[in-house]
Amino acid sequence: MSAPTNNETWVIEAGDDVIQKKARVGIAALDPKEKLLYCLWVADYGMRNAGDLTTARDLYAAFQEEGASLSKGLSLEFTHETFVLPKEVLERQYFERFDRVCDEIKRA
C-alpha cells in the first residue's frame, strides 16, 4: 500500500475536525464549506474502505446531493461537476478527480 498523499491526509485531518465539531454542535451549525468537506470525507471513506459509495450512503445518505448543492453555492465548478455525476461514474472517476476537488475546496 502506498503512502497517503497530502490531500488524503488533509481530508482525514480536516474531516476529523469537522466530525468533532458536528458531534459537539450538530450538522446544522457547520458552515457550507465544513458541510461540503464532510460530504467529501464521507465519499472518501466509502471509496477508500469499501471501494464504492454504498458505505458512504450508509454513513450519510444525502452526501452526494448535498455535496452538489453546497459546491454550487460556493461556486466550486469542478467539485459541483464531480458530485452531480451518476453514482457509477463517480465511483469510476473518484480517484482521478480527488486531488482537484480537494484543491478547489481548500481555496474556497
PDB file of N, CA and C in Angstrom:
ATOM      1  N   MET A   1       0.844  -1.180   0.000  1.00  0.00           N
ATOM      2  CA  MET A   1       0.000   0.000   0.000  1.00  0.00           C
ATOM      3  C   MET A   1       0.886   1.239   0.000  1.00  0.00           C
ATOM      4  N   SER A   2       0.519   2.232  -0.771  1.00  0.00           N
ATOM      5  CA  SER A   2       1.332   3.438  -0.879  1.00  0.00           C
ATOM      6  C   SER A   2       1.018   4.410   0.259  1.00  0.00           C
ATOM      7  N   ALA A   3       1.948   5.329   0.474  1.00  0.00           N
ATOM      8  CA  ALA A   3       1.766   6.352   1.500  1.00  0.00           C
ATOM      9  C   ALA A   3       0.669   7.319   1.058  1.00  0.00           C
ATOM     10  N   PRO A   4      -0.076   7.857   2.014  1.00  0.00           N
ATOM     11  CA  PRO A   4      -1.133   8.796   1.649  1.00  0.00           C
ATOM     12  C   PRO A   4      -0.562  10.073   1.040  1.00  0.00           C
ATOM     13  N   THR A   5      -1.330  10.657   0.140  1.00  0.00           N
ATOM     14  CA  THR A   5      -0.940  11.930  -0.465  1.00  0.00           C
ATOM     15  C   THR A   5      -1.267  13.055   0.516  1.00  0.00           C
ATOM     16  N   ASN A   6      -0.784  14.249   0.201  1.00  0.00           N
ATOM     17  CA  ASN A   6      -1.111  15.409   1.035  1.00  0.00           C
ATOM     18  C   ASN A   6      -2.613  15.621   1.130  1.00  0.00           C
ATOM     19  N   ASN A   7      -3.311  15.439   0.021  1.00  0.00           N
ATOM     20  CA  ASN A   7      -4.762  15.641   0.046  1.00  0.00           C
ATOM     21  C   ASN A   7      -5.481  14.541   0.813  1.00  0.00           C
ATOM     22  N   GLU A   8      -4.990  13.323   0.754  1.00  0.00           N
ATOM     23  CA  GLU A   8      -5.589  12.255   1.559  1.00  0.00           C
ATOM     24  C   GLU A   8      -5.458  12.592   3.036  1.00  0.00           C
ATOM     25  N   THR A   9      -4.276  13.027   3.429  1.00  0.00           N
ATOM     26  CA  THR A   9      -4.036  13.409   4.817  1.00  0.00           C
ATOM     27  C   THR A   9      -4.912  14.593   5.195  1.00  0.00           C
ATOM     28  N   TRP A  10      -5.018  15.573   4.296  1.00  0.00           N
ATOM     29  CA  TRP A  10      -5.850  16.747   4.562  1.00  0.00           C
ATOM     30  C   TRP A  10      -7.310  16.351   4.786  1.00  0.00           C
ATOM     31  N   VAL A  11      -7.856  15.488   3.933  1.00  0.00           N
ATOM     32  CA  VAL A  11      -9.256  15.082   4.093  1.00  0.00           C
ATOM     33  C   VAL A  11      -9.458  14.381   5.427  1.00  0.00           C
ATOM     34  N   ILE A  12      -8.527  13.531   5.803  1.00  0.00           N
ATOM     35  CA  ILE A  12      -8.642  12.812   7.073  1.00  0.00           C
ATOM     36  C   ILE A  12      -8.587  13.790   8.244  1.00  0.00           C
ATOM     37  N   GLU A  13      -7.595  14.673   8.239  1.00  0.00           N
ATOM     38  CA  GLU A  13      -7.411  15.588   9.374  1.00  0.00           C
ATOM     39  C   GLU A  13      -8.485  16.672   9.428  1.00  0.00           C
ATOM     40  N   ALA A  14      -8.731  17.333   8.307  1.00  0.00           N
ATOM     41  CA  ALA A  14      -9.752  18.380   8.282  1.00  0.00           C
ATOM     42  C   ALA A  14     -11.140  17.769   8.487  1.00  0.00           C
ATOM     43  N   GLY A  15     -11.353  16.588   7.909  1.00  0.00           N
ATOM     44  CA  GLY A  15     -12.614  15.884   8.102  1.00  0.00           C
ATOM     45  C   GLY A  15     -12.846  15.524   9.557  1.00  0.00           C
ATOM     46  N   ASP A  16     -11.783  15.114  10.244  1.00  0.00           N
ATOM     47  CA  ASP A  16     -11.894  14.790  11.662  1.00  0.00           C
ATOM     48  C   ASP A  16     -12.295  16.024  12.472  1.00  0.00           C
ATOM     49  N   ASP A  17     -11.707  17.167  12.144  1.00  0.00           N
ATOM     50  CA  ASP A  17     -12.085  18.413  12.831  1.00  0.00           C
ATOM     51  C   ASP A  17     -13.575  18.703  12.639  1.00  0.00           C
ATOM     52  N   VAL A  18     -14.052  18.529  11.414  1.00  0.00           N
ATOM     53  CA  VAL A  18     -15.467  18.778  11.123  1.00  0.00           C
ATOM     54  C   VAL A  18     -16.348  17.765  11.851  1.00  0.00           C
ATOM     55  N   ILE A  19     -15.939  16.512  11.862  1.00  0.00           N
ATOM     56  CA  ILE A  19     -16.714  15.469  12.552  1.00  0.00           C
ATOM     57  C   ILE A  19     -16.815  15.778  14.042  1.00  0.00           C
ATOM     58  N   GLN A  20     -15.716  16.217  14.630  1.00  0.00           N
ATOM     59  CA  GLN A  20     -15.737  16.565  16.059  1.00  0.00           C
ATOM     60  C   GLN A  20     -16.667  17.756  16.311  1.00  0.00           C
ATOM     61  N   LYS A  21     -16.591  18.764  15.448  1.00  0.00           N
ATOM     62  CA  LYS A  21     -17.475  19.920  15.593  1.00  0.00           C
ATOM     63  C   LYS A  21     -18.929  19.501  15.421  1.00  0.00           C
ATOM     64  N   LYS A  22     -19.186  18.656  14.424  1.00  0.00           N
ATOM     65  CA  LYS A  22     -20.542  18.156  14.176  1.00  0.00           C
ATOM     66  C   LYS A  22     -21.079  17.429  15.399  1.00  0.00           C
ATOM     67  N   ALA A  23     -20.233  16.646  16.054  1.00  0.00           N
ATOM     68  CA  ALA A  23     -20.641  15.910  17.251  1.00  0.00           C
ATOM     69  C   ALA A  23     -20.963  16.861  18.407  1.00  0.00           C
ATOM     70  N   ARG A  24     -20.216  17.966  18.483  1.00  0.00           N
ATOM     71  CA  ARG A  24     -20.422  18.933  19.570  1.00  0.00           C
ATOM     72  C   ARG A  24     -21.657  19.803  19.360  1.00  0.00           C
ATOM     73  N   VAL A  25     -21.825  20.310  18.129  1.00  0.00           N
ATOM     74  CA  VAL A  25     -22.850  21.340  17.909  1.00  0.00           C
ATOM     75  C   VAL A  25     -23.920  20.950  16.892  1.00  0.00           C
ATOM     76  N   GLY A  26     -23.750  19.839  16.220  1.00  0.00           N
ATOM     77  CA  GLY A  26     -24.726  19.386  15.229  1.00  0.00           C
ATOM     78  C   GLY A  26     -24.391  19.857  13.827  1.00  0.00           C
ATOM     79  N   ILE A  27     -24.877  19.128  12.858  1.00  0.00           N
ATOM     80  CA  ILE A  27     -24.547  19.424  11.460  1.00  0.00           C
ATOM     81  C   ILE A  27     -25.095  20.778  11.021  1.00  0.00           C
ATOM     82  N   ALA A  28     -26.203  21.208  11.596  1.00  0.00           N
ATOM     83  CA  ALA A  28     -26.797  22.489  11.209  1.00  0.00           C
ATOM     84  C   ALA A  28     -25.880  23.668  11.548  1.00  0.00           C
ATOM     85  N   ALA A  29     -24.991  23.501  12.516  1.00  0.00           N
ATOM     86  CA  ALA A  29     -24.090  24.584  12.925  1.00  0.00           C
ATOM     87  C   ALA A  29     -22.831  24.679  12.055  1.00  0.00           C
ATOM     88  N   LEU A  30     -22.646  23.715  11.159  1.00  0.00           N
ATOM     89  CA  LEU A  30     -21.485  23.762  10.275  1.00  0.00           C
ATOM     90  C   LEU A  30     -21.719  24.788   9.178  1.00  0.00           C
ATOM     91  N   ASP A  31     -20.653  25.487   8.780  1.00  0.00           N
ATOM     92  CA  ASP A  31     -20.792  26.410   7.653  1.00  0.00           C
ATOM     93  C   ASP A  31     -20.765  25.594   6.354  1.00  0.00           C
ATOM     94  N   PRO A  32     -21.120  26.211   5.226  1.00  0.00           N
ATOM     95  CA  PRO A  32     -21.213  25.459   3.966  1.00  0.00           C
ATOM     96  C   PRO A  32     -19.922  24.736   3.575  1.00  0.00           C
ATOM     97  N   LYS A  33     -18.772  25.360   3.779  1.00  0.00           N
ATOM     98  CA  LYS A  33     -17.516  24.701   3.435  1.00  0.00           C
ATOM     99  C   LYS A  33     -17.278  23.485   4.324  1.00  0.00           C
ATOM    100  N   GLU A  34     -17.595  23.596   5.610  1.00  0.00           N
ATOM    101  CA  GLU A  34     -17.443  22.460   6.520  1.00  0.00           C
ATOM    102  C   GLU A  34     -18.394  21.325   6.137  1.00  0.00           C
ATOM    103  N   LYS A  35     -19.621  21.665   5.782  1.00  0.00           N
ATOM    104  CA  LYS A  35     -20.581  20.643   5.348  1.00  0.00           C
ATOM    105  C   LYS A  35     -20.095  19.957   4.070  1.00  0.00           C
ATOM    106  N   LEU A  36     -19.551  20.749   3.147  1.00  0.00           N
ATOM    107  CA  LEU A  36     -19.024  20.178   1.907  1.00  0.00           C
ATOM    108  C   LEU A  36     -17.841  19.266   2.201  1.00  0.00           C
ATOM    109  N   LEU A  37     -16.976  19.684   3.072  1.00  0.00           N
ATOM    110  CA  LEU A  37     -15.839  18.847   3.455  1.00  0.00           C
ATOM    111  C   LEU A  37     -16.331  17.546   4.080  1.00  0.00           C
ATOM    112  N   TYR A  38     -17.376  17.609   4.887  1.00  0.00           N
ATOM    113  CA  TYR A  38     -17.948  16.394   5.464  1.00  0.00           C
ATOM    114  C   TYR A  38     -18.461  15.470   4.359  1.00  0.00           C
ATOM    115  N   CYS A  39     -19.130  16.024   3.364  1.00  0.00           N
ATOM    116  CA  CYS A  39     -19.622  15.221   2.236  1.00  0.00           C
ATOM    117  C   CYS A  39     -18.459  14.548   1.507  1.00  0.00           C
ATOM    118  N   LEU A  40     -17.382  15.294   1.298  1.00  0.00           N
ATOM    119  CA  LEU A  40     -16.198  14.715   0.655  1.00  0.00           C
ATOM    120  C   LEU A  40     -15.593  13.639   1.530  1.00  0.00           C
ATOM    121  N   TRP A  41     -15.495  13.886   2.834  1.00  0.00           N
ATOM    122  CA  TRP A  41     -14.932  12.893   3.752  1.00  0.00           C
ATOM    123  C   TRP A  41     -15.749  11.601   3.692  1.00  0.00           C
ATOM    124  N   VAL A  42     -17.059  11.727   3.678  1.00  0.00           N
ATOM    125  CA  VAL A  42     -17.938  10.554   3.611  1.00  0.00           C
ATOM    126  C   VAL A  42     -17.670   9.779   2.320  1.00  0.00           C
ATOM    127  N   ALA A  43     -17.607  10.478   1.194  1.00  0.00           N
ATOM    128  CA  ALA A  43     -17.329   9.818  -0.089  1.00  0.00           C
ATOM    129  C   ALA A  43     -15.961   9.150  -0.054  1.00  0.00           C
ATOM    130  N   ASP A  44     -14.977   9.847   0.472  1.00  0.00           N
ATOM    131  CA  ASP A  44     -13.622   9.311   0.528  1.00  0.00           C
ATOM    132  C   ASP A  44     -13.561   8.067   1.412  1.00  0.00           C
ATOM    133  N   TYR A  45     -14.238   8.119   2.537  1.00  0.00           N
ATOM    134  CA  TYR A  45     -14.270   6.971   3.445  1.00  0.00           C
ATOM    135  C   TYR A  45     -14.835   5.745   2.717  1.00  0.00           C
ATOM    136  N   GLY A  46     -15.932   5.929   2.024  1.00  0.00           N
ATOM    137  CA  GLY A  46     -16.536   4.815   1.294  1.00  0.00           C
ATOM    138  C   GLY A  46     -15.638   4.282   0.201  1.00  0.00           C
ATOM    139  N   MET A  47     -15.052   5.180  -0.565  1.00  0.00           N
ATOM    140  CA  MET A  47     -14.216   4.748  -1.690  1.00  0.00           C
ATOM    141  C   MET A  47     -12.930   4.075  -1.221  1.00  0.00           C
ATOM    142  N   ARG A  48     -12.305   4.582  -0.196  1.00  0.00           N
ATOM    143  CA  ARG A  48     -11.033   4.005   0.255  1.00  0.00           C
ATOM    144  C   ARG A  48     -11.221   2.746   1.083  1.00  0.00           C
ATOM    145  N   ASN A  49     -12.342   2.631   1.778  1.00  0.00           N
ATOM    146  CA  ASN A  49     -12.537   1.480   2.654  1.00  0.00           C
ATOM    147  C   ASN A  49     -13.376   0.376   2.033  1.00  0.00           C
ATOM    148  N   ALA A  50     -14.293   0.720   1.169  1.00  0.00           N
ATOM    149  CA  ALA A  50     -15.158  -0.299   0.567  1.00  0.00           C
ATOM    150  C   ALA A  50     -15.026  -0.352  -0.950  1.00  0.00           C
ATOM    151  N   GLY A  51     -14.403   0.678  -1.541  1.00  0.00           N
ATOM    152  CA  GLY A  51     -14.233   0.696  -2.987  1.00  0.00           C
ATOM    153  C   GLY A  51     -15.465   1.149  -3.754  1.00  0.00           C
ATOM    154  N   ASP A  52     -16.468   1.645  -3.019  1.00  0.00           N
ATOM    155  CA  ASP A  52     -17.667   2.157  -3.679  1.00  0.00           C
ATOM    156  C   ASP A  52     -18.338   3.184  -2.782  1.00  0.00           C
ATOM    157  N   LEU A  53     -19.462   3.697  -3.236  1.00  0.00           N
ATOM    158  CA  LEU A  53     -20.166   4.740  -2.481  1.00  0.00           C
ATOM    159  C   LEU A  53     -21.324   4.208  -1.648  1.00  0.00           C
ATOM    160  N   THR A  54     -21.509   2.906  -1.630  1.00  0.00           N
ATOM    161  CA  THR A  54     -22.582   2.328  -0.818  1.00  0.00           C
ATOM    162  C   THR A  54     -22.343   2.599   0.661  1.00  0.00           C
ATOM    163  N   THR A  55     -21.125   2.398   1.117  1.00  0.00           N
ATOM    164  CA  THR A  55     -20.786   2.677   2.517  1.00  0.00           C
ATOM    165  C   THR A  55     -20.966   4.160   2.822  1.00  0.00           C
ATOM    166  N   ALA A  56     -20.608   5.011   1.872  1.00  0.00           N
ATOM    167  CA  ALA A  56     -20.798   6.450   2.054  1.00  0.00           C
ATOM    168  C   ALA A  56     -22.277   6.760   2.263  1.00  0.00           C
ATOM    169  N   ARG A  57     -23.143   6.141   1.468  1.00  0.00           N
ATOM    170  CA  ARG A  57     -24.585   6.371   1.613  1.00  0.00           C
ATOM    171  C   ARG A  57     -25.087   5.853   2.954  1.00  0.00           C
ATOM    172  N   ASP A  58     -24.485   4.775   3.440  1.00  0.00           N
ATOM    173  CA  ASP A  58     -24.858   4.258   4.759  1.00  0.00           C
ATOM    174  C   ASP A  58     -24.486   5.255   5.862  1.00  0.00           C
ATOM    175  N   LEU A  59     -23.365   5.933   5.699  1.00  0.00           N
ATOM    176  CA  LEU A  59     -22.914   6.919   6.691  1.00  0.00           C
ATOM    177  C   LEU A  59     -23.749   8.188   6.649  1.00  0.00           C
ATOM    178  N   TYR A  60     -23.997   8.677   5.430  1.00  0.00           N
ATOM    179  CA  TYR A  60     -24.724   9.940   5.260  1.00  0.00           C
ATOM    180  C   TYR A  60     -25.407   9.892   3.897  1.00  0.00           C
ATOM    181  N   ALA A  61     -26.651   9.486   3.909  1.00  0.00           N
ATOM    182  CA  ALA A  61     -27.373   9.199   2.665  1.00  0.00           C
ATOM    183  C   ALA A  61     -27.385  10.366   1.683  1.00  0.00           C
ATOM    184  N   ALA A  62     -27.387  11.582   2.180  1.00  0.00           N
ATOM    185  CA  ALA A  62     -27.519  12.759   1.303  1.00  0.00           C
ATOM    186  C   ALA A  62     -26.180  13.355   0.896  1.00  0.00           C
ATOM    187  N   PHE A  63     -25.073  12.642   1.143  1.00  0.00           N
ATOM    188  CA  PHE A  63     -23.757  13.241   0.906  1.00  0.00           C
ATOM    189  C   PHE A  63     -23.588  13.738  -0.528  1.00  0.00           C
ATOM    190  N   GLN A  64     -24.068  12.988  -1.521  1.00  0.00           N
ATOM    191  CA  GLN A  64     -23.822  13.367  -2.913  1.00  0.00           C
ATOM    192  C   GLN A  64     -24.703  14.549  -3.322  1.00  0.00           C
ATOM    193  N   GLU A  65     -25.966  14.494  -2.986  1.00  0.00           N
ATOM    194  CA  GLU A  65     -26.866  15.587  -3.330  1.00  0.00           C
ATOM    195  C   GLU A  65     -26.480  16.865  -2.591  1.00  0.00           C
ATOM    196  N   GLU A  66     -26.155  16.726  -1.316  1.00  0.00           N
ATOM    197  CA  GLU A  66     -25.756  17.897  -0.537  1.00  0.00           C
ATOM    198  C   GLU A  66     -24.413  18.442  -1.032  1.00  0.00           C
ATOM    199  N   GLY A  67     -23.482  17.544  -1.375  1.00  0.00           N
ATOM    200  CA  GLY A  67     -22.202  17.980  -1.927  1.00  0.00           C
ATOM    201  C   GLY A  67     -22.390  18.768  -3.210  1.00  0.00           C
ATOM    202  N   ALA A  68     -23.319  18.330  -4.038  1.00  0.00           N
ATOM    203  CA  ALA A  68     -23.609  19.045  -5.287  1.00  0.00           C
ATOM    204  C   ALA A  68     -24.186  20.426  -4.997  1.00  0.00           C
ATOM    205  N   SER A  69     -25.133  20.494  -4.109  1.00  0.00           N
ATOM    206  CA  SER A  69     -25.777  21.762  -3.769  1.00  0.00           C
ATOM    207  C   SER A  69     -24.789  22.735  -3.118  1.00  0.00           C
ATOM    208  N   LEU A  70     -24.035  22.252  -2.163  1.00  0.00           N
ATOM    209  CA  LEU A  70     -23.079  23.113  -1.454  1.00  0.00           C
ATOM    210  C   LEU A  70     -21.983  23.619  -2.391  1.00  0.00           C
ATOM    211  N   SER A  71     -21.463  22.741  -3.219  1.00  0.00           N
ATOM    212  CA  SER A  71     -20.387  23.160  -4.132  1.00  0.00           C
ATOM    213  C   SER A  71     -20.911  24.171  -5.148  1.00  0.00           C
ATOM    214  N   LYS A  72     -22.144  24.016  -5.568  1.00  0.00           N
ATOM    215  CA  LYS A  72     -22.730  25.006  -6.476  1.00  0.00           C
ATOM    216  C   LYS A  72     -22.861  26.343  -5.766  1.00  0.00           C
ATOM    217  N   GLY A  73     -23.336  26.313  -4.530  1.00  0.00           N
ATOM    218  CA  GLY A  73     -23.484  27.535  -3.749  1.00  0.00           C
ATOM    219  C   GLY A  73     -22.163  28.235  -3.472  1.00  0.00           C
ATOM    220  N   LEU A  74     -21.090  27.461  -3.383  1.00  0.00           N
ATOM    221  CA  LEU A  74     -19.755  28.018  -3.146  1.00  0.00           C
ATOM    222  C   LEU A  74     -19.027  28.342  -4.450  1.00  0.00           C
ATOM    223  N   SER A  75     -19.702  28.155  -5.572  1.00  0.00           N
ATOM    224  CA  SER A  75     -19.136  28.401  -6.917  1.00  0.00           C
ATOM    225  C   SER A  75     -17.894  27.556  -7.182  1.00  0.00           C
ATOM    226  N   LEU A  76     -17.928  26.309  -6.739  1.00  0.00           N
ATOM    227  CA  LEU A  76     -16.828  25.370  -6.965  1.00  0.00           C
ATOM    228  C   LEU A  76     -17.227  24.469  -8.136  1.00  0.00           C
ATOM    229  N   GLU A  77     -16.926  24.935  -9.321  1.00  0.00           N
ATOM    230  CA  GLU A  77     -17.424  24.323 -10.545  1.00  0.00           C
ATOM    231  C   GLU A  77     -17.017  22.854 -10.699  1.00  0.00           C
ATOM    232  N   PHE A  78     -15.733  22.550 -10.553  1.00  0.00           N
ATOM    233  CA  PHE A  78     -15.281  21.179 -10.754  1.00  0.00           C
ATOM    234  C   PHE A  78     -15.843  20.253  -9.677  1.00  0.00           C
ATOM    235  N   THR A  79     -15.883  20.736  -8.451  1.00  0.00           N
ATOM    236  CA  THR A  79     -16.438  19.939  -7.358  1.00  0.00           C
ATOM    237  C   THR A  79     -17.918  19.674  -7.608  1.00  0.00           C
ATOM    238  N   HIS A  80     -18.637  20.680  -8.082  1.00  0.00           N
ATOM    239  CA  HIS A  80     -20.046  20.500  -8.409  1.00  0.00           C
ATOM    240  C   HIS A  80     -20.203  19.464  -9.529  1.00  0.00           C
ATOM    241  N   GLU A  81     -19.402  19.607 -10.584  1.00  0.00           N
ATOM    242  CA  GLU A  81     -19.451  18.637 -11.688  1.00  0.00           C
ATOM    243  C   GLU A  81     -19.183  17.219 -11.185  1.00  0.00           C
ATOM    244  N   THR A  82     -18.338  17.097 -10.194  1.00  0.00           N
ATOM    245  CA  THR A  82     -17.998  15.788  -9.641  1.00  0.00           C
ATOM    246  C   THR A  82     -19.171  15.206  -8.855  1.00  0.00           C
ATOM    247  N   PHE A  83     -19.750  15.997  -7.966  1.00  0.00           N
ATOM    248  CA  PHE A  83     -20.839  15.492  -7.130  1.00  0.00           C
ATOM    249  C   PHE A  83     -22.118  15.208  -7.913  1.00  0.00           C
ATOM    250  N   VAL A  84     -22.313  15.834  -9.072  1.00  0.00           N
ATOM    251  CA  VAL A  84     -23.536  15.562  -9.839  1.00  0.00           C
ATOM    252  C   VAL A  84     -23.392  14.365 -10.780  1.00  0.00           C
ATOM    253  N   LEU A  85     -22.214  13.791 -10.857  1.00  0.00           N
ATOM    254  CA  LEU A  85     -22.045  12.602 -11.699  1.00  0.00           C
ATOM    255  C   LEU A  85     -22.930  11.471 -11.197  1.00  0.00           C
ATOM    256  N   PRO A  86     -23.426  10.634 -12.091  1.00  0.00           N
ATOM    257  CA  PRO A  86     -24.134   9.432 -11.633  1.00  0.00           C
ATOM    258  C   PRO A  86     -23.207   8.604 -10.730  1.00  0.00           C
ATOM    259  N   LYS A  87     -23.786   7.952  -9.753  1.00  0.00           N
ATOM    260  CA  LYS A  87     -23.025   7.193  -8.759  1.00  0.00           C
ATOM    261  C   LYS A  87     -21.961   6.298  -9.394  1.00  0.00           C
ATOM    262  N   GLU A  88     -22.333   5.543 -10.405  1.00  0.00           N
ATOM    263  CA  GLU A  88     -21.404   4.601 -11.025  1.00  0.00           C
ATOM    264  C   GLU A  88     -20.227   5.327 -11.686  1.00  0.00           C
ATOM    265  N   VAL A  89     -20.493   6.469 -12.285  1.00  0.00           N
ATOM    266  CA  VAL A  89     -19.441   7.253 -12.934  1.00  0.00           C
ATOM    267  C   VAL A  89     -18.536   7.864 -11.872  1.00  0.00           C
ATOM    268  N   LEU A  90     -19.134   8.396 -10.816  1.00  0.00           N
ATOM    269  CA  LEU A  90     -18.335   8.961  -9.727  1.00  0.00           C
ATOM    270  C   LEU A  90     -17.432   7.896  -9.117  1.00  0.00           C
ATOM    271  N   GLU A  91     -17.947   6.706  -8.924  1.00  0.00           N
ATOM    272  CA  GLU A  91     -17.104   5.621  -8.391  1.00  0.00           C
ATOM    273  C   GLU A  91     -15.916   5.345  -9.306  1.00  0.00           C
ATOM    274  N   ARG A  92     -16.138   5.321 -10.609  1.00  0.00           N
ATOM    275  CA  ARG A  92     -15.046   5.059 -11.567  1.00  0.00           C
ATOM    276  C   ARG A  92     -14.033   6.195 -11.623  1.00  0.00           C
ATOM    277  N   GLN A  93     -14.506   7.424 -11.504  1.00  0.00           N
ATOM    278  CA  GLN A  93     -13.638   8.585 -11.687  1.00  0.00           C
ATOM    279  C   GLN A  93     -13.158   9.213 -10.374  1.00  0.00           C
ATOM    280  N   TYR A  94     -13.608   8.704  -9.256  1.00  0.00           N
ATOM    281  CA  TYR A  94     -13.341   9.348  -7.966  1.00  0.00           C
ATOM    282  C   TYR A  94     -11.863   9.664  -7.753  1.00  0.00           C
ATOM    283  N   PHE A  95     -11.005   8.685  -7.882  1.00  0.00           N
ATOM    284  CA  PHE A  95      -9.586   8.890  -7.580  1.00  0.00           C
ATOM    285  C   PHE A  95      -8.907   9.803  -8.593  1.00  0.00           C
ATOM    286  N   GLU A  96      -9.407   9.837  -9.816  1.00  0.00           N
ATOM    287  CA  GLU A  96      -8.873  10.756 -10.828  1.00  0.00           C
ATOM    288  C   GLU A  96      -9.239  12.202 -10.491  1.00  0.00           C
ATOM    289  N   ARG A  97     -10.381  12.417  -9.899  1.00  0.00           N
ATOM    290  CA  ARG A  97     -10.888  13.752  -9.600  1.00  0.00           C
ATOM    291  C   ARG A  97     -10.505  14.239  -8.201  1.00  0.00           C
ATOM    292  N   PHE A  98     -10.104  13.342  -7.343  1.00  0.00           N
ATOM    293  CA  PHE A  98      -9.914  13.621  -5.921  1.00  0.00           C
ATOM    294  C   PHE A  98      -9.025  14.833  -5.647  1.00  0.00           C
ATOM    295  N   ASP A  99      -7.823  14.870  -6.189  1.00  0.00           N
ATOM    296  CA  ASP A  99      -6.894  15.962  -5.872  1.00  0.00           C
ATOM    297  C   ASP A  99      -7.445  17.315  -6.310  1.00  0.00           C
ATOM    298  N   ARG A 100      -8.035  17.355  -7.480  1.00  0.00           N
ATOM    299  CA  ARG A 100      -8.564  18.630  -7.981  1.00  0.00           C
ATOM    300  C   ARG A 100      -9.740  19.110  -7.121  1.00  0.00           C
ATOM    301  N   VAL A 101     -10.586  18.185  -6.678  1.00  0.00           N
ATOM    302  CA  VAL A 101     -11.691  18.547  -5.800  1.00  0.00           C
ATOM    303  C   VAL A 101     -11.137  19.089  -4.478  1.00  0.00           C
ATOM    304  N   CYS A 102     -10.180  18.386  -3.896  1.00  0.00           N
ATOM    305  CA  CYS A 102      -9.574  18.844  -2.639  1.00  0.00           C
ATOM    306  C   CYS A 102      -8.994  20.238  -2.778  1.00  0.00           C
ATOM    307  N   ASP A 103      -8.238  20.441  -3.841  1.00  0.00           N
ATOM    308  CA  ASP A 103      -7.582  21.736  -4.060  1.00  0.00           C
ATOM    309  C   ASP A 103      -8.618  22.850  -4.210  1.00  0.00           C
ATOM    310  N   GLU A 104      -9.721  22.558  -4.895  1.00  0.00           N
ATOM    311  CA  GLU A 104     -10.753  23.565  -5.095  1.00  0.00           C
ATOM    312  C   GLU A 104     -11.432  23.905  -3.758  1.00  0.00           C
ATOM    313  N   ILE A 105     -11.717  22.906  -2.942  1.00  0.00           N
ATOM    314  CA  ILE A 105     -12.347  23.150  -1.656  1.00  0.00           C
ATOM    315  C   ILE A 105     -11.407  23.915  -0.738  1.00  0.00           C
ATOM    316  N   LYS A 106     -10.144  23.580  -0.750  1.00  0.00           N
ATOM    317  CA  LYS A 106      -9.160  24.290   0.087  1.00  0.00           C
ATOM    318  C   LYS A 106      -9.138  25.777  -0.232  1.00  0.00           C
ATOM    319  N   ARG A 107      -9.281  26.120  -1.496  1.00  0.00           N
ATOM    320  CA  ARG A 107      -9.219  27.522  -1.920  1.00  0.00           C
ATOM    321  C   ARG A 107     -10.518  28.287  -1.658  1.00  0.00           C
ATOM    322  N   ALA A 108     -11.592  27.567  -1.328  1.00  0.00           N
ATOM    323  CA  ALA A 108     -12.906  28.210  -1.135  1.00  0.00           C
ATOM    324  C   ALA A 108     -12.900  29.129   0.073  1.00  0.00           C
TER     325      ALA A 108
END
